[in-house]
PDB file of N, CA and C in Angstrom:
ATOM      1  N   MET A   1    -118.310 -60.900  58.293  1.00  0.00           N
ATOM      2  CA  MET A   1    -118.519 -62.151  57.853  1.00  0.00           C
ATOM      3  C   MET A   1    -120.016 -62.439  57.641  1.00  0.00           C
ATOM      4  N   GLN A   2    -120.584 -63.569  56.552  1.00  0.00           N
ATOM      5  CA  GLN A   2    -122.037 -63.607  56.475  1.00  0.00           C
ATOM      6  C   GLN A   2    -121.830 -64.908  56.286  1.00  0.00           C
ATOM      7  N   THR A   3    -122.927 -65.381  57.084  1.00  0.00           N
ATOM      8  CA  THR A   3    -122.384 -67.159  57.353  1.00  0.00           C
ATOM      9  C   THR A   3    -124.088 -67.995  56.502  1.00  0.00           C
ATOM     10  N   LEU A   4    -124.513 -69.045  56.382  1.00  0.00           N
ATOM     11  CA  LEU A   4    -125.449 -70.106  55.385  1.00  0.00           C
ATOM     12  C   LEU A   4    -126.209 -70.424  56.719  1.00  0.00           C
ATOM     13  N   SER A   5    -127.899 -69.984  56.489  1.00  0.00           N
ATOM     14  CA  SER A   5    -128.768 -70.399  56.752  1.00  0.00           C
ATOM     15  C   SER A   5    -128.208 -72.122  57.333  1.00  0.00           C
ATOM     16  N   ARG A   6    -128.634 -72.674  57.939  1.00  0.00           N
ATOM     17  CA  ARG A   6    -128.646 -74.339  58.254  1.00  0.00           C
ATOM     18  C   ARG A   6    -129.529 -74.961  57.164  1.00  0.00           C
ATOM     19  N   ARG A   7    -130.526 -75.102  56.126  1.00  0.00           N
ATOM     20  CA  ARG A   7    -131.453 -74.935  55.360  1.00  0.00           C
ATOM     21  C   ARG A   7    -129.928 -74.924  54.063  1.00  0.00           C
ATOM     22  N   GLU A   8    -129.578 -74.370  53.702  1.00  0.00           N
ATOM     23  CA  GLU A   8    -128.606 -73.776  52.856  1.00  0.00           C
ATOM     24  C   GLU A   8    -127.360 -74.598  52.692  1.00  0.00           C
ATOM     25  N   GLU A   9    -126.666 -74.573  54.413  1.00  0.00           N
ATOM     26  CA  GLU A   9    -125.828 -75.388  54.783  1.00  0.00           C
ATOM     27  C   GLU A   9    -125.591 -76.821  54.629  1.00  0.00           C
ATOM     28  N   ASP A  10    -126.999 -77.527  54.936  1.00  0.00           N
ATOM     29  CA  ASP A  10    -127.141 -78.520  54.560  1.00  0.00           C
ATOM     30  C   ASP A  10    -127.343 -78.652  53.154  1.00  0.00           C
ATOM     31  N   ALA A  11    -127.957 -78.170  51.981  1.00  0.00           N
ATOM     32  CA  ALA A  11    -128.289 -78.094  50.473  1.00  0.00           C
ATOM     33  C   ALA A  11    -126.843 -77.832  50.036  1.00  0.00           C
ATOM     34  N   LEU A  12    -125.825 -77.044  50.722  1.00  0.00           N
ATOM     35  CA  LEU A  12    -124.801 -76.963  49.901  1.00  0.00           C
ATOM     36  C   LEU A  12    -123.164 -78.492  49.688  1.00  0.00           C
ATOM     37  N   LEU A  13    -123.904 -78.527  51.957  1.00  0.00           N
ATOM     38  CA  LEU A  13    -122.808 -80.026  52.351  1.00  0.00           C
ATOM     39  C   LEU A  13    -123.443 -81.068  51.033  1.00  0.00           C
ATOM     40  N   LYS A  14    -124.991 -81.376  51.153  1.00  0.00           N
ATOM     41  CA  LYS A  14    -125.280 -82.709  50.761  1.00  0.00           C
ATOM     42  C   LYS A  14    -125.380 -83.219  48.483  1.00  0.00           C
ATOM     43  N   SER A  15    -124.915 -81.418  48.089  1.00  0.00           N
ATOM     44  CA  SER A  15    -123.783 -81.311  46.812  1.00  0.00           C
ATOM     45  C   SER A  15    -123.256 -81.445  46.779  1.00  0.00           C
ATOM     46  N   THR A  16    -122.010 -81.296  47.663  1.00  0.00           N
ATOM     47  CA  THR A  16    -120.955 -80.757  47.683  1.00  0.00           C
ATOM     48  C   THR A  16    -120.225 -83.052  47.843  1.00  0.00           C
ATOM     49  N   LYS A  17    -121.116 -83.655  48.901  1.00  0.00           N
ATOM     50  CA  LYS A  17    -121.553 -85.022  49.120  1.00  0.00           C
ATOM     51  C   LYS A  17    -121.025 -85.345  47.745  1.00  0.00           C
ATOM     52  N   ALA A  18    -122.500 -85.412  47.046  1.00  0.00           N
ATOM     53  CA  ALA A  18    -123.171 -85.751  45.923  1.00  0.00           C
ATOM     54  C   ALA A  18    -122.455 -85.551  44.861  1.00  0.00           C
ATOM     55  N   LYS A  19    -121.398 -84.604  43.929  1.00  0.00           N
ATOM     56  CA  LYS A  19    -120.433 -84.282  43.969  1.00  0.00           C
ATOM     57  C   LYS A  19    -119.198 -85.021  44.358  1.00  0.00           C
ATOM     58  N   ALA A  20    -119.244 -85.370  45.254  1.00  0.00           N
ATOM     59  CA  ALA A  20    -117.642 -85.959  45.697  1.00  0.00           C
ATOM     60  C   ALA A  20    -117.845 -87.662  45.561  1.00  0.00           C
ATOM     61  N   LEU A  21    -118.561 -87.481  45.454  1.00  0.00           N
ATOM     62  CA  LEU A  21    -119.222 -89.939  45.252  1.00  0.00           C
ATOM     63  C   LEU A  21    -119.200 -89.714  43.881  1.00  0.00           C
ATOM     64  N   ARG A  22    -119.783 -88.407  42.928  1.00  0.00           N
ATOM     65  CA  ARG A  22    -119.365 -89.221  41.150  1.00  0.00           C
ATOM     66  C   ARG A  22    -118.005 -89.025  40.840  1.00  0.00           C
ATOM     67  N   GLU A  23    -117.676 -87.963  41.620  1.00  0.00           N
ATOM     68  CA  GLU A  23    -116.024 -87.857  41.471  1.00  0.00           C
ATOM     69  C   GLU A  23    -115.451 -88.924  40.959  1.00  0.00           C
ATOM     70  N   CYS A  24    -115.383 -89.502  42.257  1.00  0.00           N
ATOM     71  CA  CYS A  24    -115.077 -90.673  43.664  1.00  0.00           C
ATOM     72  C   CYS A  24    -114.706 -91.700  42.991  1.00  0.00           C
ATOM     73  N   ASP A  25    -116.234 -92.071  42.090  1.00  0.00           N
ATOM     74  CA  ASP A  25    -117.279 -92.563  41.117  1.00  0.00           C
ATOM     75  C   ASP A  25    -116.664 -94.033  40.968  1.00  0.00           C
ATOM     76  N   ASP A  26    -115.254 -94.483  40.134  1.00  0.00           N
ATOM     77  CA  ASP A  26    -114.834 -96.062  40.517  1.00  0.00           C
ATOM     78  C   ASP A  26    -114.255 -96.096  41.817  1.00  0.00           C
ATOM     79  N   VAL A  27    -113.699 -95.016  42.630  1.00  0.00           N
ATOM     80  CA  VAL A  27    -113.337 -95.279  44.609  1.00  0.00           C
ATOM     81  C   VAL A  27    -114.621 -96.239  44.382  1.00  0.00           C
ATOM     82  N   VAL A  28    -115.211 -95.564  44.532  1.00  0.00           N
ATOM     83  CA  VAL A  28    -116.465 -96.711  45.600  1.00  0.00           C
ATOM     84  C   VAL A  28    -117.082 -97.654  44.394  1.00  0.00           C
ATOM     85  N   LYS A  29    -117.272 -98.068  43.784  1.00  0.00           N
ATOM     86  CA  LYS A  29    -117.264 -99.402  42.774  1.00  0.00           C
ATOM     87  C   LYS A  29    -115.986-100.546  43.283  1.00  0.00           C
ATOM     88  N   ARG A  30    -114.954-100.098  43.213  1.00  0.00           N
ATOM     89  CA  ARG A  30    -114.537-100.966  44.001  1.00  0.00           C
ATOM     90  C   ARG A  30    -114.552-101.391  45.147  1.00  0.00           C
ATOM     91  N   PHE A  31    -114.723-100.493  46.123  1.00  0.00           N
ATOM     92  CA  PHE A  31    -115.571-100.339  47.205  1.00  0.00           C
ATOM     93  C   PHE A  31    -116.266-101.246  47.144  1.00  0.00           C
ATOM     94  N   ALA A  32    -116.731-101.234  46.332  1.00  0.00           N
ATOM     95  CA  ALA A  32    -118.828-101.646  46.480  1.00  0.00           C
ATOM     96  C   ALA A  32    -118.138-103.051  46.279  1.00  0.00           C
ATOM     97  N   GLU A  33    -117.687-103.647  45.366  1.00  0.00           N
ATOM     98  CA  GLU A  33    -117.281-104.471  44.914  1.00  0.00           C
ATOM     99  C   GLU A  33    -116.351-105.927  45.829  1.00  0.00           C
ATOM    100  N   CYS A  34    -115.492-104.897  46.123  1.00  0.00           N
ATOM    101  CA  CYS A  34    -115.127-105.983  47.333  1.00  0.00           C
ATOM    102  C   CYS A  34    -116.425-106.012  48.214  1.00  0.00           C
ATOM    103  N   ALA A  35    -117.143-105.258  48.855  1.00  0.00           N
ATOM    104  CA  ALA A  35    -117.831-105.646  49.973  1.00  0.00           C
ATOM    105  C   ALA A  35    -119.304-106.396  50.028  1.00  0.00           C
ATOM    106  N   THR A  36    -119.720-106.533  48.405  1.00  0.00           N
ATOM    107  CA  THR A  36    -119.822-107.633  48.335  1.00  0.00           C
ATOM    108  C   THR A  36    -120.714-108.891  48.412  1.00  0.00           C
ATOM    109  N   GLY A  37    -121.264-109.162  48.904  1.00  0.00           N
ATOM    110  CA  GLY A  37    -121.203-110.399  49.513  1.00  0.00           C
ATOM    111  C   GLY A  37    -120.432-110.584  50.947  1.00  0.00           C
ATOM    112  N   ARG A  38    -120.008-109.698  51.763  1.00  0.00           N
ATOM    113  CA  ARG A  38    -119.699-110.559  52.481  1.00  0.00           C
ATOM    114  C   ARG A  38    -119.988-109.292  54.631  1.00  0.00           C
ATOM    115  N   THR A  39    -119.843-109.718  54.905  1.00  0.00           N
ATOM    116  CA  THR A  39    -119.919-108.909  56.249  1.00  0.00           C
ATOM    117  C   THR A  39    -118.739-108.489  57.452  1.00  0.00           C
ATOM    118  N   ILE A  40    -118.815-109.610  58.266  1.00  0.00           N
ATOM    119  CA  ILE A  40    -117.759-109.231  59.862  1.00  0.00           C
ATOM    120  C   ILE A  40    -116.038-109.511  58.698  1.00  0.00           C
ATOM    121  N   SER A  41    -115.858-109.766  57.821  1.00  0.00           N
ATOM    122  CA  SER A  41    -115.012-109.920  56.809  1.00  0.00           C
ATOM    123  C   SER A  41    -113.746-108.595  56.055  1.00  0.00           C
ATOM    124  N   ILE A  42    -115.826-108.084  55.849  1.00  0.00           N
ATOM    125  CA  ILE A  42    -115.289-106.416  55.074  1.00  0.00           C
ATOM    126  C   ILE A  42    -114.888-105.699  55.294  1.00  0.00           C
ATOM    127  N   VAL A  43    -114.444-105.575  56.911  1.00  0.00           N
ATOM    128  CA  VAL A  43    -113.151-104.930  57.673  1.00  0.00           C
ATOM    129  C   VAL A  43    -112.116-104.901  57.844  1.00  0.00           C
ATOM    130  N   TRP A  44    -111.445-105.901  57.547  1.00  0.00           N
ATOM    131  CA  TRP A  44    -110.102-106.505  56.637  1.00  0.00           C
ATOM    132  C   TRP A  44    -109.906-106.309  55.215  1.00  0.00           C
ATOM    133  N   ALA A  45    -111.135-106.776  54.883  1.00  0.00           N
ATOM    134  CA  ALA A  45    -110.962-107.387  53.580  1.00  0.00           C
ATOM    135  C   ALA A  45    -111.205-106.010  53.090  1.00  0.00           C
ATOM    136  N   CYS A  46    -111.362-105.148  53.384  1.00  0.00           N
ATOM    137  CA  CYS A  46    -111.598-103.999  51.766  1.00  0.00           C
ATOM    138  C   CYS A  46    -111.570-102.716  52.442  1.00  0.00           C
ATOM    139  N   ARG A  47    -110.493-102.939  53.814  1.00  0.00           N
ATOM    140  CA  ARG A  47    -109.327-102.161  54.358  1.00  0.00           C
ATOM    141  C   ARG A  47    -108.599-100.960  53.077  1.00  0.00           C
ATOM    142  N   ASP A  48    -107.939-100.984  52.583  1.00  0.00           N
ATOM    143  CA  ASP A  48    -107.269-100.217  52.214  1.00  0.00           C
ATOM    144  C   ASP A  48    -108.667 -99.693  50.714  1.00  0.00           C
ATOM    145  N   ASP A  49    -109.689-100.496  50.111  1.00  0.00           N
ATOM    146  CA  ASP A  49    -110.906 -99.978  49.293  1.00  0.00           C
ATOM    147  C   ASP A  49    -110.678 -98.810  50.240  1.00  0.00           C
ATOM    148  N   HIS A  50    -111.244 -99.324  50.888  1.00  0.00           N
ATOM    149  CA  HIS A  50    -112.335 -98.062  51.937  1.00  0.00           C
ATOM    150  C   HIS A  50    -111.659 -97.454  52.247  1.00  0.00           C
ATOM    151  N   LYS A  51    -110.235 -97.009  52.284  1.00  0.00           N
ATOM    152  CA  LYS A  51    -109.345 -96.101  52.979  1.00  0.00           C
ATOM    153  C   LYS A  51    -109.338 -95.147  51.868  1.00  0.00           C
ATOM    154  N   ALA A  52    -109.461 -96.071  50.486  1.00  0.00           N
ATOM    155  CA  ALA A  52    -108.712 -95.207  50.003  1.00  0.00           C
ATOM    156  C   ALA A  52    -110.865 -94.570  48.878  1.00  0.00           C
ATOM    157  N   VAL A  53    -111.113 -94.803  49.107  1.00  0.00           N
ATOM    158  CA  VAL A  53    -113.171 -94.184  49.586  1.00  0.00           C
ATOM    159  C   VAL A  53    -112.987 -93.323  49.659  1.00  0.00           C
ATOM    160  N   GLN A  54    -112.525 -93.142  51.426  1.00  0.00           N
ATOM    161  CA  GLN A  54    -111.797 -91.973  52.382  1.00  0.00           C
ATOM    162  C   GLN A  54    -111.113 -90.773  51.023  1.00  0.00           C
ATOM    163  N   GLN A  55    -110.150 -90.812  51.248  1.00  0.00           N
ATOM    164  CA  GLN A  55    -109.376 -90.206  51.047  1.00  0.00           C
ATOM    165  C   GLN A  55    -109.402 -89.099  49.443  1.00  0.00           C
ATOM    166  N   CYS A  56    -110.422 -89.760  48.973  1.00  0.00           N
ATOM    167  CA  CYS A  56    -111.240 -88.990  47.641  1.00  0.00           C
ATOM    168  C   CYS A  56    -112.192 -88.604  48.260  1.00  0.00           C
ATOM    169  N   MET A  57    -113.041 -88.602  48.591  1.00  0.00           N
ATOM    170  CA  MET A  57    -114.666 -88.051  49.377  1.00  0.00           C
ATOM    171  C   MET A  57    -113.321 -87.234  50.005  1.00  0.00           C
ATOM    172  N   GLN A  58    -112.252 -87.138  50.468  1.00  0.00           N
ATOM    173  CA  GLN A  58    -111.636 -86.392  51.413  1.00  0.00           C
ATOM    174  C   GLN A  58    -110.941 -84.433  50.431  1.00  0.00           C
ATOM    175  N   GLN A  59    -110.105 -85.037  49.322  1.00  0.00           N
ATOM    176  CA  GLN A  59    -110.155 -83.831  49.037  1.00  0.00           C
ATOM    177  C   GLN A  59    -111.420 -82.635  48.399  1.00  0.00           C
ATOM    178  N   TYR A  60    -112.639 -83.616  48.693  1.00  0.00           N
ATOM    179  CA  TYR A  60    -114.233 -82.568  48.171  1.00  0.00           C
ATOM    180  C   TYR A  60    -114.755 -82.282  48.636  1.00  0.00           C
ATOM    181  N   THR A  61    -114.118 -82.982  50.408  1.00  0.00           N
ATOM    182  CA  THR A  61    -115.730 -82.652  51.209  1.00  0.00           C
ATOM    183  C   THR A  61    -114.817 -81.391  52.670  1.00  0.00           C
ATOM    184  N   ASN A  62    -112.961 -81.708  52.352  1.00  0.00           N
ATOM    185  CA  ASN A  62    -112.656 -80.801  53.855  1.00  0.00           C
ATOM    186  C   ASN A  62    -112.779 -79.836  54.200  1.00  0.00           C
ATOM    187  N   ALA A  63    -112.496 -79.528  55.247  1.00  0.00           N
ATOM    188  CA  ALA A  63    -112.595 -78.382  55.436  1.00  0.00           C
ATOM    189  C   ALA A  63    -112.401 -76.782  55.373  1.00  0.00           C
ATOM    190  N   GLU A  64    -111.632 -77.100  54.024  1.00  0.00           N
ATOM    191  CA  GLU A  64    -110.606 -75.703  53.634  1.00  0.00           C
ATOM    192  C   GLU A  64    -111.667 -75.527  52.102  1.00  0.00           C
ATOM    193  N   ARG A  65    -111.765 -77.275  51.651  1.00  0.00           N
ATOM    194  CA  ARG A  65    -112.599 -76.848  50.707  1.00  0.00           C
ATOM    195  C   ARG A  65    -113.866 -75.912  50.543  1.00  0.00           C
ATOM    196  N   MET A  66    -114.761 -76.398  51.730  1.00  0.00           N
ATOM    197  CA  MET A  66    -116.055 -76.263  51.389  1.00  0.00           C
ATOM    198  C   MET A  66    -116.644 -74.697  52.446  1.00  0.00           C
ATOM    199  N   GLU A  67    -115.366 -74.370  52.900  1.00  0.00           N
ATOM    200  CA  GLU A  67    -115.036 -72.988  53.231  1.00  0.00           C
ATOM    201  C   GLU A  67    -115.139 -72.360  52.222  1.00  0.00           C
ATOM    202  N   GLU A  68    -114.506 -72.626  51.964  1.00  0.00           N
ATOM    203  CA  GLU A  68    -114.105 -72.184  49.569  1.00  0.00           C
ATOM    204  C   GLU A  68    -115.616 -71.669  49.092  1.00  0.00           C
ATOM    205  N   LEU A  69    -116.204 -72.893  49.454  1.00  0.00           N
ATOM    206  CA  LEU A  69    -117.729 -73.550  48.650  1.00  0.00           C
ATOM    207  C   LEU A  69    -118.955 -72.389  49.234  1.00  0.00           C
ATOM    208  N   ARG A  70    -118.888 -71.713  50.321  1.00  0.00           N
ATOM    209  CA  ARG A  70    -118.843 -71.360  51.378  1.00  0.00           C
ATOM    210  C   ARG A  70    -119.631 -69.661  50.513  1.00  0.00           C
ATOM    211  N   ARG A  71    -118.302 -69.209  50.592  1.00  0.00           N
ATOM    212  CA  ARG A  71    -117.838 -67.764  50.234  1.00  0.00           C
ATOM    213  C   ARG A  71    -118.503 -68.000  48.963  1.00  0.00           C
ATOM    214  N   GLU A  72    -117.849 -69.388  48.232  1.00  0.00           N
ATOM    215  CA  GLU A  72    -118.772 -68.829  46.766  1.00  0.00           C
ATOM    216  C   GLU A  72    -120.132 -68.668  46.251  1.00  0.00           C
ATOM    217  N   PHE A  73    -120.474 -69.356  47.211  1.00  0.00           N
ATOM    218  CA  PHE A  73    -122.158 -69.680  47.741  1.00  0.00           C
ATOM    219  C   PHE A  73    -122.880 -68.400  48.253  1.00  0.00           C
ATOM    220  N   ILE A  74    -122.226 -67.947  48.724  1.00  0.00           N
ATOM    221  CA  ILE A  74    -122.477 -66.555  49.771  1.00  0.00           C
ATOM    222  C   ILE A  74    -121.867 -65.317  48.151  1.00  0.00           C
ATOM    223  N   LYS A  75    -121.758 -65.163  47.347  1.00  0.00           N
ATOM    224  CA  LYS A  75    -121.281 -64.394  46.984  1.00  0.00           C
ATOM    225  C   LYS A  75    -122.424 -64.441  45.543  1.00  0.00           C
ATOM    226  N   GLN A  76    -122.879 -65.748  45.405  1.00  0.00           N
ATOM    227  CA  GLN A  76    -123.650 -66.075  44.052  1.00  0.00           C
ATOM    228  C   GLN A  76    -125.218 -65.405  44.823  1.00  0.00           C
ATOM    229  N   ARG A  77    -125.273 -66.145  45.730  1.00  0.00           N
ATOM    230  CA  ARG A  77    -126.439 -65.810  46.879  1.00  0.00           C
ATOM    231  C   ARG A  77    -126.931 -63.793  46.908  1.00  0.00           C
ATOM    232  N   ASP A  78    -125.932 -63.463  47.281  1.00  0.00           N
ATOM    233  CA  ASP A  78    -125.881 -62.238  47.095  1.00  0.00           C
ATOM    234  C   ASP A  78    -126.125 -60.826  46.639  1.00  0.00           C
ATOM    235  N   ALA A  79    -125.439 -61.800  45.019  1.00  0.00           N
ATOM    236  CA  ALA A  79    -125.117 -61.104  43.301  1.00  0.00           C
ATOM    237  C   ALA A  79    -126.641 -61.901  43.213  1.00  0.00           C
ATOM    238  N   THR A  80    -127.513 -62.739  43.917  1.00  0.00           N
ATOM    239  CA  THR A  80    -128.974 -63.007  42.536  1.00  0.00           C
ATOM    240  C   THR A  80    -129.767 -61.890  43.956  1.00  0.00           C
ATOM    241  N   PHE A  81    -129.817 -62.027  44.970  1.00  0.00           N
ATOM    242  CA  PHE A  81    -131.474 -61.733  46.096  1.00  0.00           C
ATOM    243  C   PHE A  81    -129.855 -60.388  46.785  1.00  0.00           C
ATOM    244  N   PRO A  82    -129.419 -59.364  46.454  1.00  0.00           N
ATOM    245  CA  PRO A  82    -128.183 -58.665  46.330  1.00  0.00           C
ATOM    246  C   PRO A  82    -129.645 -57.130  47.618  1.00  0.00           C
ATOM    247  N   THR A  83    -130.568 -57.107  47.915  1.00  0.00           N
ATOM    248  CA  THR A  83    -131.563 -57.204  48.929  1.00  0.00           C
ATOM    249  C   THR A  83    -131.998 -57.614  50.274  1.00  0.00           C
ATOM    250  N   ALA A  84    -130.948 -58.904  50.444  1.00  0.00           N
ATOM    251  CA  ALA A  84    -131.309 -59.827  50.906  1.00  0.00           C
ATOM    252  C   ALA A  84    -129.476 -60.007  51.518  1.00  0.00           C
ATOM    253  N   ALA A  85    -128.781 -59.019  51.244  1.00  0.00           N
ATOM    254  CA  ALA A  85    -127.359 -59.371  51.803  1.00  0.00           C
ATOM    255  C   ALA A  85    -126.954 -59.375  53.259  1.00  0.00           C
ATOM    256  N   GLY A  86    -126.555 -59.063  54.244  1.00  0.00           N
ATOM    257  CA  GLY A  86    -126.598 -58.221  54.858  1.00  0.00           C
ATOM    258  C   GLY A  86    -127.445 -58.759  56.587  1.00  0.00           C
ATOM    259  N   LEU A  87    -128.975 -58.934  56.198  1.00  0.00           N
ATOM    260  CA  LEU A  87    -129.523 -58.960  56.735  1.00  0.00           C
ATOM    261  C   LEU A  87    -129.780 -60.445  57.073  1.00  0.00           C
ATOM    262  N   PRO A  88    -129.989 -60.906  58.938  1.00  0.00           N
ATOM    263  CA  PRO A  88    -130.366 -62.097  59.330  1.00  0.00           C
ATOM    264  C   PRO A  88    -130.570 -62.680  58.838  1.00  0.00           C
ATOM    265  N   SER A  89    -130.826 -63.762  59.159  1.00  0.00           N
ATOM    266  CA  SER A  89    -131.357 -65.359  58.374  1.00  0.00           C
ATOM    267  C   SER A  89    -131.955 -65.300  59.765  1.00  0.00           C
ATOM    268  N   ALA A  90    -133.362 -66.204  59.012  1.00  0.00           N
ATOM    269  CA  ALA A  90    -135.442 -66.243  60.030  1.00  0.00           C
ATOM    270  C   ALA A  90    -134.043 -67.051  60.386  1.00  0.00           C
ATOM    271  N   ASP A  91    -132.949 -68.292  60.201  1.00  0.00           N
ATOM    272  CA  ASP A  91    -132.985 -69.633  60.800  1.00  0.00           C
ATOM    273  C   ASP A  91    -132.010 -69.450  61.630  1.00  0.00           C
ATOM    274  N   HIS A  92    -131.118 -68.453  62.465  1.00  0.00           N
ATOM    275  CA  HIS A  92    -130.532 -68.111  63.324  1.00  0.00           C
ATOM    276  C   HIS A  92    -131.104 -67.411  64.832  1.00  0.00           C
TER     277      HIS A  92
END
């Protein structure tokens, strides 16, 4: 199986996290509103909101989803650059 270069992996992770944040926007906003003006009390006052953010983000960034996205990325990359398919990456 082919793998992603470090640069590709970083780009995929960054774009996936950005999408997750967009999808979880309402939950993130609730947490941010709770956290505003707090310091130490954020730990217990916003615990449920923080947990909700983590759960929402997890559905977009879990190991199974990331592996699926890697396979899709490789498929698209190889379709776009067929001569590079199967060649070792310069990052490895």
